[in-house]
């Protein structure tokens, strides 16, 4: 088994992490991030409940990414449309 590199993580003074990995004690700011970590890094030792939590967190992450991409496409489309309208207005005014 290869050893997983452990990134340097620190928790600011006065704050407590919302979740900690039960295997490597790494702190996380959100429970979903901990579920993703456990499912990806510790997949060989995690329980069925942790695998289910990983699947749910992964599905939520895919949904969030899809909506982010949709927002980007809309912003690009609106920006392009506004650019064309302003360009047409400038050309029409001359």
N, C-alpha and C. Protein backbone atom coordinates (compact mmCIF):
# COMPACT_ATOMS: atom_id res chain seq x y z
N UNK A 1 0.84 -1.17 0.00
CA UNK A 1 0.00 0.00 0.00
C UNK A 1 0.89 1.24 0.00
N UNK A 2 0.59 2.20 -0.86
CA UNK A 2 1.37 3.43 -0.91
C UNK A 2 0.81 4.41 0.10
N UNK A 3 1.69 5.19 0.64
CA UNK A 3 1.28 6.18 1.63
C UNK A 3 0.74 7.41 0.93
N UNK A 4 -0.37 7.92 1.42
CA UNK A 4 -1.00 9.11 0.87
C UNK A 4 -0.30 10.33 1.44
N UNK A 5 0.10 11.28 0.58
CA UNK A 5 0.72 12.49 1.11
C UNK A 5 -0.29 13.29 1.93
N UNK A 6 0.14 13.79 3.06
CA UNK A 6 -0.72 14.57 3.92
C UNK A 6 -0.37 16.04 3.75
N UNK A 7 -1.32 16.84 3.24
CA UNK A 7 -1.03 18.27 3.08
C UNK A 7 -0.98 18.96 4.42
N UNK A 8 -0.22 20.03 4.46
CA UNK A 8 -0.14 20.82 5.68
C UNK A 8 -1.47 21.58 5.84
N UNK A 9 -2.16 21.31 6.90
CA UNK A 9 -3.42 22.01 7.17
C UNK A 9 -3.36 22.57 8.58
N UNK A 10 -3.86 23.77 8.72
CA UNK A 10 -3.93 24.39 10.04
C UNK A 10 -5.32 24.97 10.21
N UNK A 11 -5.78 24.95 11.42
CA UNK A 11 -7.07 25.55 11.76
C UNK A 11 -6.77 26.86 12.47
N UNK A 12 -7.36 27.96 11.99
CA UNK A 12 -7.10 29.25 12.65
C UNK A 12 -7.49 29.21 14.13
N UNK A 13 -6.80 30.03 14.93
CA UNK A 13 -7.09 30.10 16.36
C UNK A 13 -8.54 30.52 16.57
N UNK A 14 -9.20 29.88 17.50
CA UNK A 14 -10.58 30.23 17.82
C UNK A 14 -11.61 29.54 16.94
N UNK A 15 -11.19 28.75 15.98
CA UNK A 15 -12.12 28.04 15.11
C UNK A 15 -11.95 26.54 15.30
N UNK A 16 -13.04 25.85 15.09
CA UNK A 16 -12.98 24.39 15.13
C UNK A 16 -13.45 23.87 13.77
N UNK A 17 -12.82 22.83 13.28
CA UNK A 17 -13.26 22.28 11.99
C UNK A 17 -14.63 21.63 12.14
N UNK A 18 -15.41 21.68 11.06
CA UNK A 18 -16.75 21.09 11.09
C UNK A 18 -16.69 19.58 10.99
N UNK A 19 -15.60 19.06 10.44
CA UNK A 19 -15.46 17.61 10.31
C UNK A 19 -13.98 17.25 10.33
N UNK A 20 -13.70 16.04 10.77
CA UNK A 20 -12.34 15.51 10.76
C UNK A 20 -12.38 14.11 10.19
N UNK A 21 -11.36 13.79 9.42
CA UNK A 21 -11.27 12.45 8.85
C UNK A 21 -11.05 11.46 9.98
N UNK A 22 -11.86 10.39 10.02
CA UNK A 22 -11.69 9.42 11.10
C UNK A 22 -10.43 8.56 10.94
N UNK A 23 -9.77 8.63 9.79
CA UNK A 23 -8.60 7.79 9.53
C UNK A 23 -7.28 8.55 9.66
N UNK A 24 -7.24 9.79 9.16
CA UNK A 24 -5.98 10.54 9.21
C UNK A 24 -6.10 11.83 10.02
N UNK A 25 -7.27 12.11 10.59
CA UNK A 25 -7.52 13.26 11.47
C UNK A 25 -7.35 14.61 10.77
N UNK A 26 -7.46 14.65 9.45
CA UNK A 26 -7.35 15.90 8.71
C UNK A 26 -8.62 16.73 8.91
N UNK A 27 -8.50 18.04 9.19
CA UNK A 27 -9.68 18.88 9.40
C UNK A 27 -10.30 19.34 8.08
N UNK A 28 -11.61 19.53 8.09
CA UNK A 28 -12.34 20.01 6.92
C UNK A 28 -13.35 21.07 7.34
N UNK A 29 -13.58 22.02 6.46
CA UNK A 29 -14.53 23.10 6.72
C UNK A 29 -15.96 22.70 6.49
N UNK A 30 -16.19 21.64 5.72
CA UNK A 30 -17.55 21.17 5.45
C UNK A 30 -17.58 19.65 5.56
N UNK A 31 -18.70 19.13 6.00
CA UNK A 31 -18.88 17.68 6.14
C UNK A 31 -18.76 16.98 4.79
N UNK A 32 -19.29 17.61 3.74
CA UNK A 32 -19.24 17.00 2.41
C UNK A 32 -17.80 16.83 1.92
N UNK A 33 -16.94 17.78 2.25
CA UNK A 33 -15.54 17.67 1.85
C UNK A 33 -14.86 16.50 2.55
N UNK A 34 -15.23 16.28 3.79
CA UNK A 34 -14.69 15.14 4.53
C UNK A 34 -15.19 13.83 3.91
N UNK A 35 -16.47 13.78 3.54
CA UNK A 35 -17.02 12.58 2.91
C UNK A 35 -16.31 12.28 1.59
N UNK A 36 -16.04 13.32 0.80
CA UNK A 36 -15.33 13.13 -0.46
C UNK A 36 -13.91 12.62 -0.21
N UNK A 37 -13.25 13.19 0.77
CA UNK A 37 -11.88 12.77 1.13
C UNK A 37 -11.85 11.30 1.54
N UNK A 38 -12.75 10.92 2.42
CA UNK A 38 -12.77 9.54 2.91
C UNK A 38 -13.05 8.58 1.76
N UNK A 39 -13.99 8.92 0.89
CA UNK A 39 -14.34 8.05 -0.22
C UNK A 39 -13.26 7.92 -1.26
N UNK A 40 -12.45 8.95 -1.42
CA UNK A 40 -11.40 8.91 -2.46
C UNK A 40 -10.06 8.41 -1.91
N UNK A 41 -9.67 8.87 -0.75
CA UNK A 41 -8.35 8.55 -0.20
C UNK A 41 -8.37 7.26 0.61
N UNK A 42 -9.42 7.05 1.37
CA UNK A 42 -9.48 5.88 2.26
C UNK A 42 -10.52 4.87 1.78
N UNK A 43 -10.70 4.73 0.48
CA UNK A 43 -11.74 3.86 -0.07
C UNK A 43 -11.55 2.40 0.32
N UNK A 44 -10.32 1.99 0.54
CA UNK A 44 -10.08 0.58 0.85
C UNK A 44 -10.44 0.22 2.29
N UNK A 45 -10.61 1.20 3.17
CA UNK A 45 -10.92 0.89 4.56
C UNK A 45 -12.23 1.50 5.05
N UNK A 46 -12.92 2.26 4.21
CA UNK A 46 -14.13 2.93 4.69
C UNK A 46 -15.31 1.96 4.78
N UNK A 47 -16.29 2.35 5.59
CA UNK A 47 -17.46 1.52 5.82
C UNK A 47 -18.50 1.75 4.73
N UNK A 48 -19.56 0.94 4.76
CA UNK A 48 -20.63 1.09 3.78
C UNK A 48 -21.34 2.44 3.94
N UNK A 49 -21.52 2.88 5.17
CA UNK A 49 -22.16 4.19 5.42
C UNK A 49 -21.29 5.31 4.86
N UNK A 50 -19.97 5.19 5.01
CA UNK A 50 -19.06 6.21 4.48
C UNK A 50 -19.07 6.19 2.95
N UNK A 51 -19.18 5.01 2.36
CA UNK A 51 -19.28 4.92 0.90
C UNK A 51 -20.56 5.58 0.40
N UNK A 52 -21.66 5.38 1.13
CA UNK A 52 -22.93 6.01 0.76
C UNK A 52 -22.84 7.53 0.90
N UNK A 53 -22.22 8.00 1.97
CA UNK A 53 -22.03 9.45 2.16
C UNK A 53 -21.15 10.01 1.06
N UNK A 54 -20.14 9.26 0.64
CA UNK A 54 -19.28 9.69 -0.47
C UNK A 54 -20.08 9.80 -1.75
N UNK A 55 -20.93 8.81 -2.04
CA UNK A 55 -21.73 8.83 -3.26
C UNK A 55 -22.67 10.03 -3.28
N UNK A 56 -23.29 10.34 -2.14
CA UNK A 56 -24.18 11.50 -2.06
C UNK A 56 -23.40 12.80 -2.25
N UNK A 57 -22.25 12.91 -1.61
CA UNK A 57 -21.44 14.13 -1.73
C UNK A 57 -20.92 14.29 -3.15
N UNK A 58 -20.56 13.18 -3.79
CA UNK A 58 -20.08 13.23 -5.17
C UNK A 58 -21.19 13.67 -6.11
N UNK A 59 -22.40 13.15 -5.90
CA UNK A 59 -23.54 13.53 -6.74
C UNK A 59 -23.86 15.01 -6.56
N UNK A 60 -23.81 15.49 -5.31
CA UNK A 60 -24.08 16.90 -5.06
C UNK A 60 -23.01 17.78 -5.71
N UNK A 61 -21.76 17.34 -5.68
CA UNK A 61 -20.68 18.10 -6.30
C UNK A 61 -20.87 18.17 -7.82
N UNK A 62 -21.30 17.07 -8.43
CA UNK A 62 -21.56 17.05 -9.88
C UNK A 62 -22.70 18.01 -10.20
N UNK A 63 -23.76 18.00 -9.39
CA UNK A 63 -24.88 18.93 -9.62
C UNK A 63 -24.43 20.38 -9.48
N UNK A 64 -23.65 20.67 -8.43
CA UNK A 64 -23.15 22.04 -8.23
C UNK A 64 -22.29 22.50 -9.40
N UNK A 65 -21.46 21.61 -9.91
CA UNK A 65 -20.60 21.95 -11.04
C UNK A 65 -21.42 22.20 -12.30
N UNK A 66 -22.48 21.40 -12.52
CA UNK A 66 -23.35 21.60 -13.67
C UNK A 66 -24.00 22.98 -13.61
N UNK A 67 -24.56 23.34 -12.43
CA UNK A 67 -25.20 24.65 -12.31
C UNK A 67 -24.19 25.79 -12.47
N UNK A 68 -22.98 25.61 -11.99
CA UNK A 68 -21.94 26.62 -12.19
C UNK A 68 -21.66 26.80 -13.69
N UNK A 69 -21.53 25.69 -14.41
CA UNK A 69 -21.29 25.78 -15.85
C UNK A 69 -22.45 26.46 -16.56
N UNK A 70 -23.66 26.17 -16.15
CA UNK A 70 -24.83 26.82 -16.77
C UNK A 70 -24.79 28.33 -16.52
N UNK A 71 -24.43 28.75 -15.32
CA UNK A 71 -24.33 30.17 -15.02
C UNK A 71 -23.26 30.83 -15.88
N UNK A 72 -22.13 30.17 -16.06
CA UNK A 72 -21.06 30.72 -16.90
C UNK A 72 -21.52 30.87 -18.33
N UNK A 73 -22.23 29.88 -18.87
CA UNK A 73 -22.72 29.94 -20.24
C UNK A 73 -23.70 31.11 -20.38
N UNK A 74 -24.58 31.29 -19.42
CA UNK A 74 -25.55 32.40 -19.47
C UNK A 74 -24.82 33.74 -19.42
N UNK A 75 -23.83 33.88 -18.55
CA UNK A 75 -23.08 35.14 -18.45
C UNK A 75 -22.35 35.43 -19.76
N UNK A 76 -21.74 34.42 -20.35
CA UNK A 76 -21.04 34.62 -21.63
C UNK A 76 -22.03 35.01 -22.71
N UNK A 77 -23.18 34.35 -22.76
CA UNK A 77 -24.19 34.66 -23.77
C UNK A 77 -24.72 36.08 -23.62
N UNK A 78 -25.03 36.49 -22.40
CA UNK A 78 -25.54 37.84 -22.16
C UNK A 78 -24.45 38.86 -22.48
N UNK A 79 -23.22 38.59 -22.11
CA UNK A 79 -22.13 39.53 -22.42
C UNK A 79 -21.97 39.69 -23.93
N UNK A 80 -22.03 38.59 -24.65
CA UNK A 80 -21.91 38.64 -26.11
C UNK A 80 -23.07 39.43 -26.72
N UNK A 81 -24.28 39.18 -26.24
CA UNK A 81 -25.45 39.89 -26.77
C UNK A 81 -25.34 41.39 -26.49
N UNK A 82 -24.90 41.77 -25.29
CA UNK A 82 -24.74 43.19 -24.98
C UNK A 82 -23.65 43.82 -25.83
N UNK A 83 -22.57 43.10 -26.05
CA UNK A 83 -21.50 43.61 -26.90
C UNK A 83 -22.02 43.87 -28.31
N UNK A 84 -22.78 42.94 -28.86
CA UNK A 84 -23.32 43.09 -30.22
C UNK A 84 -24.29 44.27 -30.27
N UNK A 85 -25.14 44.41 -29.27
CA UNK A 85 -26.10 45.53 -29.26
C UNK A 85 -25.38 46.87 -29.17
N UNK A 86 -24.37 46.96 -28.31
CA UNK A 86 -23.61 48.22 -28.20
C UNK A 86 -22.87 48.49 -29.50
N UNK A 87 -22.31 47.48 -30.09
CA UNK A 87 -21.60 47.64 -31.37
C UNK A 87 -22.53 48.13 -32.46
N UNK A 88 -23.74 47.56 -32.50
CA UNK A 88 -24.73 47.98 -33.50
C UNK A 88 -25.16 49.43 -33.24
N UNK A 89 -25.33 49.81 -31.97
CA UNK A 89 -25.73 51.17 -31.64
C UNK A 89 -24.65 52.16 -32.03
N UNK A 90 -23.39 51.81 -31.81
CA UNK A 90 -22.28 52.71 -32.17
C UNK A 90 -22.21 52.84 -33.68
N UNK A 91 -22.33 51.74 -34.42
CA UNK A 91 -22.29 51.81 -35.88
C UNK A 91 -23.49 52.55 -36.44
N UNK A 92 -24.65 52.42 -35.80
CA UNK A 92 -25.86 53.11 -36.28
C UNK A 92 -25.82 54.60 -36.00
N UNK A 93 -25.07 55.03 -35.01
CA UNK A 93 -25.01 56.44 -34.65
C UNK A 93 -24.09 57.22 -35.56
N UNK A 94 -23.24 56.54 -36.30
CA UNK A 94 -22.29 57.27 -37.15
C UNK A 94 -22.81 57.48 -38.54
